[in-house]
Amino acid sequence: QVQLVESGGGVVQAGGSLRLSCAASGKSFSFNNVGWYRQAPGKQRELVATLTNIGSTNYADSVKGRFTISRDNTKNMVYLQMNSLKPEDTAVYYCNFLWLAPWGQGTQVTVSS
């Protein structure tokens, strides 16, 4: 069974940076399309960054130029580097395969103004 564990969230001031990490067991990130999602209070979960199995990336307009998704195949980890954070980035962040495995617990990111 696939299990996803996100980490690296925290409280940061606007303009700051965080690096989120995601570990998977039961499935390799290497040959799959993966993504980072986020869910803000009272809002639907949204996809903010994707990374295909061949290394192509795509970003939501709201994070383009500020967030970078990457993968370490040797560690079976996926990362989200978040720079120039804004209060509107505050949310619980989740990683997942694009075919949607069971969700992990997510990691809270709070950006103060």
C-alpha atoms as a PDB file:
ATOM      1  CA  GLN A   1       0.000   0.000   0.000  1.00  0.00           C
ATOM      2  CA  VAL A   2       1.246   3.459  -0.869  1.00  0.00           C
ATOM      3  CA  GLN A   3       1.989   5.810   2.003  1.00  0.00           C
ATOM      4  CA  LEU A   4       2.963   9.456   1.613  1.00  0.00           C
ATOM      5  CA  VAL A   5       4.579  11.539   4.338  1.00  0.00           C
ATOM      6  CA  GLU A   6       5.047  15.277   3.932  1.00  0.00           C
ATOM      7  CA  SER A   7       7.312  17.431   6.075  1.00  0.00           C
ATOM      8  CA  GLY A   8       9.049  20.778   6.169  1.00  0.00           C
ATOM      9  CA  GLY A   9       6.172  23.130   6.783  1.00  0.00           C
ATOM     10  CA  GLY A  10       6.208  25.891   9.365  1.00  0.00           C
ATOM     11  CA  VAL A  11       5.577  29.528  10.063  1.00  0.00           C
ATOM     12  CA  VAL A  12       7.466  32.044   7.972  1.00  0.00           C
ATOM     13  CA  GLN A  13       7.240  35.745   7.289  1.00  0.00           C
ATOM     14  CA  ALA A  14       6.153  37.041   3.928  1.00  0.00           C
ATOM     15  CA  GLY A  15       9.079  36.993   1.532  1.00  0.00           C
ATOM     16  CA  GLY A  16      10.641  33.995   3.221  1.00  0.00           C
ATOM     17  CA  SER A  17      11.328  30.497   1.953  1.00  0.00           C
ATOM     18  CA  LEU A  18      10.519  26.929   2.886  1.00  0.00           C
ATOM     19  CA  ARG A  19      11.414  23.588   1.405  1.00  0.00           C
ATOM     20  CA  LEU A  20       8.836  20.849   1.670  1.00  0.00           C
ATOM     21  CA  SER A  21       9.734  17.181   1.424  1.00  0.00           C
ATOM     22  CA  CYS A  22       7.657  14.152   0.591  1.00  0.00           C
ATOM     23  CA  ALA A  23       8.595  10.539   1.148  1.00  0.00           C
ATOM     24  CA  ALA A  24       6.754   7.625  -0.398  1.00  0.00           C
ATOM     25  CA  SER A  25       6.670   3.986   0.537  1.00  0.00           C
ATOM     26  CA  GLY A  26       5.116   1.282  -1.573  1.00  0.00           C
ATOM     27  CA  LYS A  27       5.610   3.104  -4.880  1.00  0.00           C
ATOM     28  CA  SER A  28       8.449   4.801  -6.672  1.00  0.00           C
ATOM     29  CA  PHE A  29       8.269   8.451  -7.672  1.00  0.00           C
ATOM     30  CA  SER A  30      10.752   7.752 -10.449  1.00  0.00           C
ATOM     31  CA  PHE A  31       8.364   6.455 -13.083  1.00  0.00           C
ATOM     32  CA  ASN A  32       5.280   8.404 -12.142  1.00  0.00           C
ATOM     33  CA  ASN A  33       3.868  11.862 -12.579  1.00  0.00           C
ATOM     34  CA  VAL A  34       3.694  13.588  -9.216  1.00  0.00           C
ATOM     35  CA  GLY A  35       2.339  16.804  -7.835  1.00  0.00           C
ATOM     36  CA  TRP A  36       2.115  19.123  -4.874  1.00  0.00           C
ATOM     37  CA  TYR A  37      -1.330  20.222  -3.811  1.00  0.00           C
ATOM     38  CA  ARG A  38      -2.528  22.653  -1.199  1.00  0.00           C
ATOM     39  CA  GLN A  39      -5.721  23.325   0.660  1.00  0.00           C
ATOM     40  CA  ALA A  40      -6.396  26.615   2.371  1.00  0.00           C
ATOM     41  CA  PRO A  41      -9.107  26.946   5.034  1.00  0.00           C
ATOM     42  CA  GLY A  42     -12.547  26.973   3.461  1.00  0.00           C
ATOM     43  CA  LYS A  43     -11.188  26.284  -0.016  1.00  0.00           C
ATOM     44  CA  GLN A  44     -10.907  23.260  -2.256  1.00  0.00           C
ATOM     45  CA  ARG A  45      -7.634  21.421  -2.628  1.00  0.00           C
ATOM     46  CA  GLU A  46      -5.711  22.730  -5.620  1.00  0.00           C
ATOM     47  CA  LEU A  47      -2.808  21.416  -7.647  1.00  0.00           C
ATOM     48  CA  VAL A  48       0.100  23.864  -7.579  1.00  0.00           C
ATOM     49  CA  ALA A  49       3.011  22.008  -9.166  1.00  0.00           C
ATOM     50  CA  THR A  50       3.530  18.886 -11.251  1.00  0.00           C
ATOM     51  CA  LEU A  51       6.560  16.885 -12.309  1.00  0.00           C
ATOM     52  CA  THR A  52       6.274  14.225 -14.964  1.00  0.00           C
ATOM     53  CA  ASN A  53       8.206  10.992 -15.145  1.00  0.00           C
ATOM     54  CA  ILE A  54      10.406  12.542 -17.848  1.00  0.00           C
ATOM     55  CA  GLY A  55      11.119  15.674 -15.838  1.00  0.00           C
ATOM     56  CA  SER A  56       8.686  18.204 -17.255  1.00  0.00           C
ATOM     57  CA  THR A  57       7.258  20.652 -14.763  1.00  0.00           C
ATOM     58  CA  ASN A  58       4.153  22.783 -14.645  1.00  0.00           C
ATOM     59  CA  TYR A  59       2.948  25.326 -12.116  1.00  0.00           C
ATOM     60  CA  ALA A  60      -0.221  27.109 -11.198  1.00  0.00           C
ATOM     61  CA  ASP A  61      -0.092  30.753 -12.204  1.00  0.00           C
ATOM     62  CA  SER A  62      -0.263  31.766  -8.555  1.00  0.00           C
ATOM     63  CA  VAL A  63       3.093  30.133  -7.760  1.00  0.00           C
ATOM     64  CA  LYS A  64       4.911  30.302 -11.093  1.00  0.00           C
ATOM     65  CA  GLY A  65       8.377  31.765 -10.722  1.00  0.00           C
ATOM     66  CA  ARG A  66       8.362  31.271  -6.942  1.00  0.00           C
ATOM     67  CA  PHE A  67       7.953  27.509  -6.421  1.00  0.00           C
ATOM     68  CA  THR A  68      10.097  24.694  -7.795  1.00  0.00           C
ATOM     69  CA  ILE A  69       9.216  21.007  -7.739  1.00  0.00           C
ATOM     70  CA  SER A  70      11.998  18.443  -7.882  1.00  0.00           C
ATOM     71  CA  ARG A  71      12.648  14.782  -7.258  1.00  0.00           C
ATOM     72  CA  ASP A  72      15.481  12.659  -5.898  1.00  0.00           C
ATOM     73  CA  ASN A  73      15.103   9.208  -7.372  1.00  0.00           C
ATOM     74  CA  THR A  74      17.832   7.703  -5.208  1.00  0.00           C
ATOM     75  CA  LYS A  75      15.916   8.639  -2.057  1.00  0.00           C
ATOM     76  CA  ASN A  76      12.413   8.324  -3.513  1.00  0.00           C
ATOM     77  CA  MET A  77      11.661  11.853  -2.385  1.00  0.00           C
ATOM     78  CA  VAL A  78       9.860  14.795  -3.958  1.00  0.00           C
ATOM     79  CA  TYR A  79      10.479  18.378  -2.903  1.00  0.00           C
ATOM     80  CA  LEU A  80       8.832  21.753  -3.223  1.00  0.00           C
ATOM     81  CA  GLN A  81      11.083  24.767  -2.861  1.00  0.00           C
ATOM     82  CA  MET A  82       8.951  27.773  -2.045  1.00  0.00           C
ATOM     83  CA  ASN A  83      10.449  31.249  -2.283  1.00  0.00           C
ATOM     84  CA  SER A  84       9.006  34.738  -1.940  1.00  0.00           C
ATOM     85  CA  LEU A  85       6.172  33.352   0.119  1.00  0.00           C
ATOM     86  CA  LYS A  86       2.968  35.340   0.435  1.00  0.00           C
ATOM     87  CA  PRO A  87       0.209  35.195   3.063  1.00  0.00           C
ATOM     88  CA  GLU A  88      -2.083  33.692   0.422  1.00  0.00           C
ATOM     89  CA  ASP A  89       0.244  30.680   0.247  1.00  0.00           C
ATOM     90  CA  THR A  90      -0.934  29.692   3.715  1.00  0.00           C
ATOM     91  CA  ALA A  91      -2.397  26.193   3.448  1.00  0.00           C
ATOM     92  CA  VAL A  92      -1.844  22.545   4.187  1.00  0.00           C
ATOM     93  CA  TYR A  93       0.420  21.145   1.501  1.00  0.00           C
ATOM     94  CA  TYR A  94       0.211  17.587   0.205  1.00  0.00           C
ATOM     95  CA  CYS A  95       2.183  15.588  -2.313  1.00  0.00           C
ATOM     96  CA  ASN A  96       0.652  12.816  -4.383  1.00  0.00           C
ATOM     97  CA  PHE A  97       0.902  10.866  -7.553  1.00  0.00           C
ATOM     98  CA  LEU A  98      -1.308  12.359 -10.234  1.00  0.00           C
ATOM     99  CA  TRP A  99      -3.332   9.143 -10.239  1.00  0.00           C
ATOM    100  CA  LEU A 100      -4.004   9.848  -6.555  1.00  0.00           C
ATOM    101  CA  ALA A 101      -2.823   7.450  -3.926  1.00  0.00           C
ATOM    102  CA  PRO A 102      -4.273   7.741  -0.421  1.00  0.00           C
ATOM    103  CA  TRP A 103      -3.501  11.194   0.912  1.00  0.00           C
ATOM    104  CA  GLY A 104      -0.879  11.751   3.564  1.00  0.00           C
ATOM    105  CA  GLN A 105      -1.382  14.019   6.547  1.00  0.00           C
ATOM    106  CA  GLY A 106       0.045  17.046   4.781  1.00  0.00           C
ATOM    107  CA  THR A 107       2.276  19.741   6.214  1.00  0.00           C
ATOM    108  CA  GLN A 108       1.040  23.136   7.373  1.00  0.00           C
ATOM    109  CA  VAL A 109       2.555  26.259   5.862  1.00  0.00           C
ATOM    110  CA  THR A 110       1.672  29.561   7.469  1.00  0.00           C
ATOM    111  CA  VAL A 111       2.920  32.829   6.006  1.00  0.00           C
ATOM    112  CA  SER A 112       2.557  35.888   8.197  1.00  0.00           C
ATOM    113  CA  SER A 113       2.333  39.386   6.790  1.00  0.00           C
END
